[in-house]
C-alpha cells in the first residue's frame, strides 16, 4: 500500500475548504454551457482558469467575462480535443502558470440522437473522437503533469460522463457507448493514479437545459413545437425533483469534487440528475 500522507483539514473552516486560490484549472470544452458554468465556479473560488475550446472567439469572450466578474486570471486557448498534440500543449501552458496544473476538467462532447440503423460511420467516429478520445487525451496530458508533481496538493481530474454513461438509452448508441467508456476511464485511472495522490472523479448529469439544447429546440421544425413542448414537460415530470437541471447544478457539484471537501473521494461518477437514478 502506498504511503500517502493524508492532509488533516479537520479544523479548517468550510469557506477555506472551498478556496481554490493558487490552483490552476483547465476546463476543456469550457466556452459555453456546463463547461462555462464550471469554469465560472472555479474562477469564483479563486483558481486561475484556462479555457480550452475549439471555438476560440467564444473562449476569448468567456475568459474576458469571467476575469472581470471574478477578478482572477482566466486564459483562453484554441484547442481541438481530438488533437493529442493540442491537448498536450494546453497542459504545458496550464502547468507553466502559478503553482502548476492541479485541476483538469474534461467536458468536451457531442450529443447526436440517431436510431442505430441510421447511424453512419462518420457519426460514430465523430462522437468517439470528441467524447472518448478527447477525454482520454485530457486525462493522459493531465496525469503526466500531476504525477510529476507529488508536492502539489489537490491534484484532480474530472471527467464529464452522463446518466447515459451509467445506463442505456434508445437512439443514442454512439453517445451512450462513449459515455460508458468515459465512466470506465474514471474508475480505471482512479486505481492507477491514486498511489501518486491524484484523484479521478466523474459527473453524470441527466437532462440539463444548456444553450446547445435551446439551440436545437429553436432550430426544430415549427410544426413540432407543441410535440417538443409536451416531450419536455414529460421529461421534467419524470424527474423526482420536478425540473430539468441547470448548468450551475453541475458546476456546483464539480466545485465540491475538486475542493478539499472531497479529499477522500476518488473513482466515483456522481449522478447529477434530480433523483432519476434512484428509480
Protein backbone atom coordinates (compact mmCIF):
# COMPACT_ATOMS: atom_id res chain seq x y z
CA UNK A 1 0.00 0.00 0.00
CA UNK A 2 1.46 3.42 -0.93
CA UNK A 3 2.41 5.61 1.99
CA UNK A 4 0.40 8.73 1.18
CA UNK A 5 0.09 11.24 4.00
CA UNK A 6 -3.48 12.45 4.36
CA UNK A 7 -3.97 16.20 4.71
CA UNK A 8 -5.74 16.81 8.00
CA UNK A 9 -8.30 19.55 7.41
CA UNK A 10 -10.45 18.72 10.41
CA UNK A 11 -10.07 22.19 11.91
CA UNK A 12 -10.23 24.05 8.60
CA UNK A 13 -13.27 26.26 8.07
CA UNK A 14 -15.68 25.23 5.33
CA UNK A 15 -15.24 28.51 3.47
CA UNK A 16 -11.50 27.91 3.42
CA UNK A 17 -12.00 24.40 2.08
CA UNK A 18 -13.75 25.95 -0.91
CA UNK A 19 -10.90 28.38 -1.56
CA UNK A 20 -9.05 27.40 -4.75
CA UNK A 21 -6.63 30.32 -4.63
CA UNK A 22 -3.22 29.38 -6.01
CA UNK A 23 -4.58 26.45 -8.04
CA UNK A 24 -4.59 26.23 -11.83
CA UNK A 25 -7.56 24.60 -13.53
CA UNK A 26 -8.14 23.59 -17.14
CA UNK A 27 -11.68 23.23 -18.46
CA UNK A 28 -11.62 21.54 -21.87
CA UNK A 29 -14.80 22.49 -23.68
CA UNK A 30 -15.24 25.47 -21.39
CA UNK A 31 -16.58 28.22 -23.64
CA UNK A 32 -20.28 27.61 -23.08
CA UNK A 33 -22.90 25.53 -21.32
CA UNK A 34 -21.84 23.22 -18.50
CA UNK A 35 -18.14 23.83 -19.15
CA UNK A 36 -18.54 27.58 -18.82
CA UNK A 37 -20.58 27.17 -15.65
CA UNK A 38 -17.84 25.01 -14.14
CA UNK A 39 -15.16 27.48 -15.19
CA UNK A 40 -17.14 30.29 -13.57
CA UNK A 41 -17.43 28.50 -10.23
CA UNK A 42 -13.73 27.61 -10.24
CA UNK A 43 -12.82 31.20 -11.03
CA UNK A 44 -15.15 32.46 -8.31
CA UNK A 45 -13.35 30.17 -5.87
CA UNK A 46 -10.06 31.84 -6.81
CA UNK A 47 -8.49 29.42 -9.27
CA UNK A 48 -6.54 30.51 -12.31
CA UNK A 49 -8.64 29.05 -15.12
CA UNK A 50 -7.61 28.02 -18.61
CA UNK A 51 -10.45 27.56 -21.09
CA UNK A 52 -9.60 25.15 -23.89
CA UNK A 53 -12.17 25.19 -26.67
CA UNK A 54 -12.42 24.72 -30.40
CA UNK A 55 -14.39 27.97 -30.64
CA UNK A 56 -11.61 30.45 -29.96
CA UNK A 57 -13.85 33.52 -30.24
CA UNK A 58 -16.31 32.17 -27.70
CA UNK A 59 -13.48 31.10 -25.41
CA UNK A 60 -11.89 34.54 -25.50
CA UNK A 61 -15.20 36.23 -24.81
CA UNK A 62 -15.89 33.86 -21.91
CA UNK A 63 -12.41 34.35 -20.48
CA UNK A 64 -12.72 38.14 -20.56
CA UNK A 65 -16.13 37.99 -18.90
CA UNK A 66 -15.03 35.61 -16.12
CA UNK A 67 -11.81 37.51 -15.43
CA UNK A 68 -13.75 40.75 -14.99
CA UNK A 69 -16.55 39.12 -13.00
CA UNK A 70 -14.36 37.27 -10.50
CA UNK A 71 -11.15 39.33 -10.59
CA UNK A 72 -8.96 36.33 -11.31
CA UNK A 73 -6.76 35.19 -14.18
CA UNK A 74 -8.63 33.40 -16.95
CA UNK A 75 -6.95 32.33 -20.17
CA UNK A 76 -8.43 31.15 -23.47
CA UNK A 77 -6.67 28.64 -25.69
CA UNK A 78 -7.93 27.38 -29.06
CA UNK A 79 -7.94 23.63 -28.53
CA UNK A 80 -9.18 20.74 -30.64
CA UNK A 81 -9.54 17.92 -28.13
CA UNK A 82 -9.26 15.35 -30.92
CA UNK A 83 -5.67 16.54 -31.50
CA UNK A 84 -3.42 14.96 -28.88
CA UNK A 85 -0.65 17.47 -29.55
CA UNK A 86 -3.02 20.38 -28.98
CA UNK A 87 -4.18 18.87 -25.70
CA UNK A 88 -0.58 18.35 -24.59
CA UNK A 89 0.16 21.98 -25.44
CA UNK A 90 -2.83 23.05 -23.34
CA UNK A 91 -1.42 21.09 -20.41
CA UNK A 92 2.03 22.61 -20.94
CA UNK A 93 0.59 26.11 -20.81
CA UNK A 94 -1.51 25.45 -17.72
CA UNK A 95 1.40 23.83 -15.90
CA UNK A 96 3.53 26.91 -16.54
CA UNK A 97 1.08 29.13 -14.65
CA UNK A 98 1.04 29.80 -10.93
CA UNK A 99 1.93 26.74 -8.86
CA UNK A 100 1.30 24.35 -11.73
CA UNK A 101 -1.64 22.34 -13.02
CA UNK A 102 -3.79 20.78 -10.30
CA UNK A 103 -7.33 20.60 -11.76
CA UNK A 104 -8.37 19.27 -15.16
CA UNK A 105 -11.98 19.03 -16.33
CA UNK A 106 -12.77 17.05 -19.49
CA UNK A 107 -16.09 18.49 -20.65
CA UNK A 108 -15.99 18.46 -24.46
CA UNK A 109 -18.54 16.16 -26.09
CA UNK A 110 -21.31 15.87 -28.68
CA UNK A 111 -24.86 14.54 -28.39
CA UNK A 112 -26.33 13.10 -31.61
CA UNK A 113 -29.66 11.31 -31.35
CA UNK A 114 -29.99 8.72 -34.14
CA UNK A 115 -31.59 5.26 -34.34
CA UNK A 116 -28.83 2.68 -34.58
CA UNK A 117 -29.94 1.55 -38.04
CA UNK A 118 -29.33 5.08 -39.30
CA UNK A 119 -26.00 5.76 -37.57
CA UNK A 120 -23.35 6.37 -40.21
CA UNK A 121 -19.69 5.55 -39.69
CA UNK A 122 -18.74 9.20 -39.71
CA UNK A 123 -21.22 9.99 -36.88
CA UNK A 124 -19.92 7.12 -34.75
CA UNK A 125 -16.32 8.13 -35.39
CA UNK A 126 -17.00 11.81 -34.63
CA UNK A 127 -18.61 11.02 -31.29
CA UNK A 128 -15.77 8.69 -30.30
CA UNK A 129 -13.11 11.15 -31.40
CA UNK A 130 -14.52 14.06 -29.43
CA UNK A 131 -16.11 12.44 -26.40
CA UNK A 132 -13.84 9.45 -25.80
CA UNK A 133 -10.51 10.22 -27.47
CA UNK A 134 -10.68 13.84 -26.33
CA UNK A 135 -11.32 12.78 -22.75
CA UNK A 136 -8.51 10.22 -22.88
CA UNK A 137 -6.05 12.76 -24.28
CA UNK A 138 -7.01 15.16 -21.50
CA UNK A 139 -6.61 12.50 -18.81
CA UNK A 140 -3.23 11.49 -20.17
CA UNK A 141 -1.91 15.03 -20.51
CA UNK A 142 -3.11 15.97 -17.03
CA UNK A 143 -1.79 12.77 -15.46
CA UNK A 144 1.67 13.32 -16.91
CA UNK A 145 1.86 16.75 -15.29
CA UNK A 146 0.25 15.77 -12.00
CA UNK A 147 2.23 12.58 -11.38
CA UNK A 148 5.43 14.58 -11.87
CA UNK A 149 4.37 16.99 -9.09
CA UNK A 150 3.91 14.93 -5.90
CA UNK A 151 4.46 18.08 -3.87
CA UNK A 152 1.42 19.81 -5.38
CA UNK A 153 -1.74 19.31 -3.29
CA UNK A 154 -5.26 18.97 -4.64
CA UNK A 155 -4.49 17.28 -7.96
CA UNK A 156 -7.71 16.02 -9.50
CA UNK A 157 -9.09 15.04 -12.92
CA UNK A 158 -12.83 15.39 -13.58
CA UNK A 159 -14.47 13.57 -16.48
CA UNK A 160 -17.88 14.56 -17.76
CA UNK A 161 -19.82 11.35 -18.13
CA UNK A 162 -23.61 11.29 -18.22
CA UNK A 163 -26.51 9.42 -16.70
CA UNK A 164 -26.40 7.70 -20.09
CA UNK A 165 -22.90 6.56 -19.13
CA UNK A 166 -24.39 4.57 -16.25
CA UNK A 167 -27.41 3.07 -18.03
CA UNK A 168 -28.82 2.61 -21.54
CA UNK A 169 -30.91 4.92 -23.72
CA UNK A 170 -32.56 4.30 -27.06
CA UNK A 171 -31.46 6.19 -30.18
CA UNK A 172 -28.22 7.31 -28.54
CA UNK A 173 -25.96 4.33 -29.20
CA UNK A 174 -22.79 6.26 -30.04
CA UNK A 175 -23.28 8.76 -27.21
CA UNK A 176 -24.11 6.07 -24.63
CA UNK A 177 -21.14 3.94 -25.68
CA UNK A 178 -18.74 6.88 -25.47
CA UNK A 179 -20.01 7.93 -22.04
CA UNK A 180 -19.79 4.38 -20.66
CA UNK A 181 -16.16 4.43 -21.79
CA UNK A 182 -15.62 7.77 -20.04
CA UNK A 183 -17.06 6.24 -16.86
CA UNK A 184 -14.59 3.38 -17.27
CA UNK A 185 -11.71 5.83 -17.53
CA UNK A 186 -12.70 7.38 -14.21
CA UNK A 187 -12.66 4.04 -12.43
CA UNK A 188 -9.52 2.72 -14.07
CA UNK A 189 -7.45 5.87 -13.63
CA UNK A 190 -8.56 6.36 -10.03
CA UNK A 191 -6.95 2.99 -9.27
CA UNK A 192 -3.88 3.72 -11.36
CA UNK A 193 -3.16 7.26 -10.18
CA UNK A 194 -4.29 7.05 -6.57
CA UNK A 195 -0.86 5.98 -5.37
CA UNK A 196 0.52 9.21 -6.80
CA UNK A 197 -2.01 11.24 -4.84
CA UNK A 198 -4.08 12.14 -7.92
CA UNK A 199 -7.86 11.81 -7.62
CA UNK A 200 -10.06 10.99 -10.62
CA UNK A 201 -13.80 11.58 -10.45
CA UNK A 202 -16.74 11.93 -12.80
CA UNK A 203 -20.04 13.74 -13.13
CA UNK A 204 -23.12 12.14 -14.66
CA UNK A 205 -25.76 14.76 -15.45
CA UNK A 206 -29.22 13.88 -16.69
CA UNK A 207 -31.16 16.40 -18.79
CA UNK A 208 -29.61 19.87 -18.45
CA UNK A 209 -31.00 22.99 -20.12
CA UNK A 210 -27.88 24.13 -21.92
CA UNK A 211 -27.53 26.68 -24.75
CA UNK A 212 -26.99 23.71 -27.08
CA UNK A 213 -30.32 22.20 -26.11
CA UNK A 214 -32.07 25.54 -26.53
CA UNK A 215 -30.48 25.98 -29.96
CA UNK A 216 -31.70 22.56 -31.09
CA UNK A 217 -35.16 23.47 -29.82
CA UNK A 218 -35.11 26.77 -31.74
CA UNK A 219 -33.93 25.10 -34.94
CA UNK A 220 -36.55 22.36 -34.84
CA UNK A 221 -39.35 22.26 -37.38
CA UNK A 222 -42.03 24.75 -36.18
CA UNK A 223 -44.66 22.10 -36.84
CA UNK A 224 -43.12 20.08 -33.99
CA UNK A 225 -43.21 22.91 -31.46
CA UNK A 226 -46.16 21.52 -29.49
CA UNK A 227 -44.74 18.00 -29.63
CA UNK A 228 -41.39 19.21 -28.28
CA UNK A 229 -43.10 21.23 -25.57
CA UNK A 230 -45.08 18.21 -24.42
CA UNK A 231 -41.99 15.98 -24.55
CA UNK A 232 -40.01 18.41 -22.39
CA UNK A 233 -42.89 18.65 -19.91
CA UNK A 234 -42.98 14.86 -19.74
CA UNK A 235 -39.23 14.70 -19.10
CA UNK A 236 -39.47 17.26 -16.30
CA UNK A 237 -42.38 15.37 -14.75
CA UNK A 238 -40.32 12.14 -14.76
CA UNK A 239 -37.62 13.76 -12.61
CA UNK A 240 -38.32 13.33 -8.88
CA UNK A 241 -37.33 16.93 -8.13
CA UNK A 242 -39.72 18.12 -10.85
CA UNK A 243 -37.38 20.04 -13.15
CA UNK A 244 -34.53 19.63 -15.58
CA UNK A 245 -31.06 20.63 -14.49
CA UNK A 246 -29.24 23.90 -14.96
CA UNK A 247 -25.56 24.12 -15.92
CA UNK A 248 -24.79 25.55 -12.49
CA UNK A 249 -26.30 22.47 -10.81
CA UNK A 250 -23.47 20.52 -12.39
CA UNK A 251 -20.90 23.26 -11.76
CA UNK A 252 -21.55 23.31 -8.02
CA UNK A 253 -21.03 19.56 -7.87
CA UNK A 254 -17.78 19.97 -9.79
CA UNK A 255 -16.61 22.64 -7.36
CA UNK A 256 -17.26 20.28 -4.46
CA UNK A 257 -15.40 17.39 -6.08
CA UNK A 258 -12.26 19.41 -6.88
CA UNK A 259 -12.15 21.08 -3.46
CA UNK A 260 -10.56 19.72 -0.27
CA UNK A 261 -14.10 18.96 0.89
CA UNK A 262 -13.84 15.86 -1.32
CA UNK A 263 -10.24 14.99 -0.47
CA UNK A 264 -11.01 11.29 0.09
CA UNK A 265 -13.34 10.83 -2.87
CA UNK A 266 -11.97 9.17 -5.99
CA UNK A 267 -13.19 6.69 -8.59
CA UNK A 268 -16.84 7.74 -8.32
CA UNK A 269 -19.13 9.06 -11.03
CA UNK A 270 -21.69 11.24 -9.29
CA UNK A 271 -25.19 11.40 -10.79
CA UNK A 272 -26.47 14.96 -11.05
CA UNK A 273 -30.00 14.09 -12.08
CA UNK A 274 -32.68 15.37 -9.73
CA UNK A 275 -33.15 11.86 -8.37
CA UNK A 276 -33.71 9.98 -11.65
CA UNK A 277 -31.13 7.29 -10.88
CA UNK A 278 -32.92 6.41 -7.64
CA UNK A 279 -35.66 4.71 -9.67
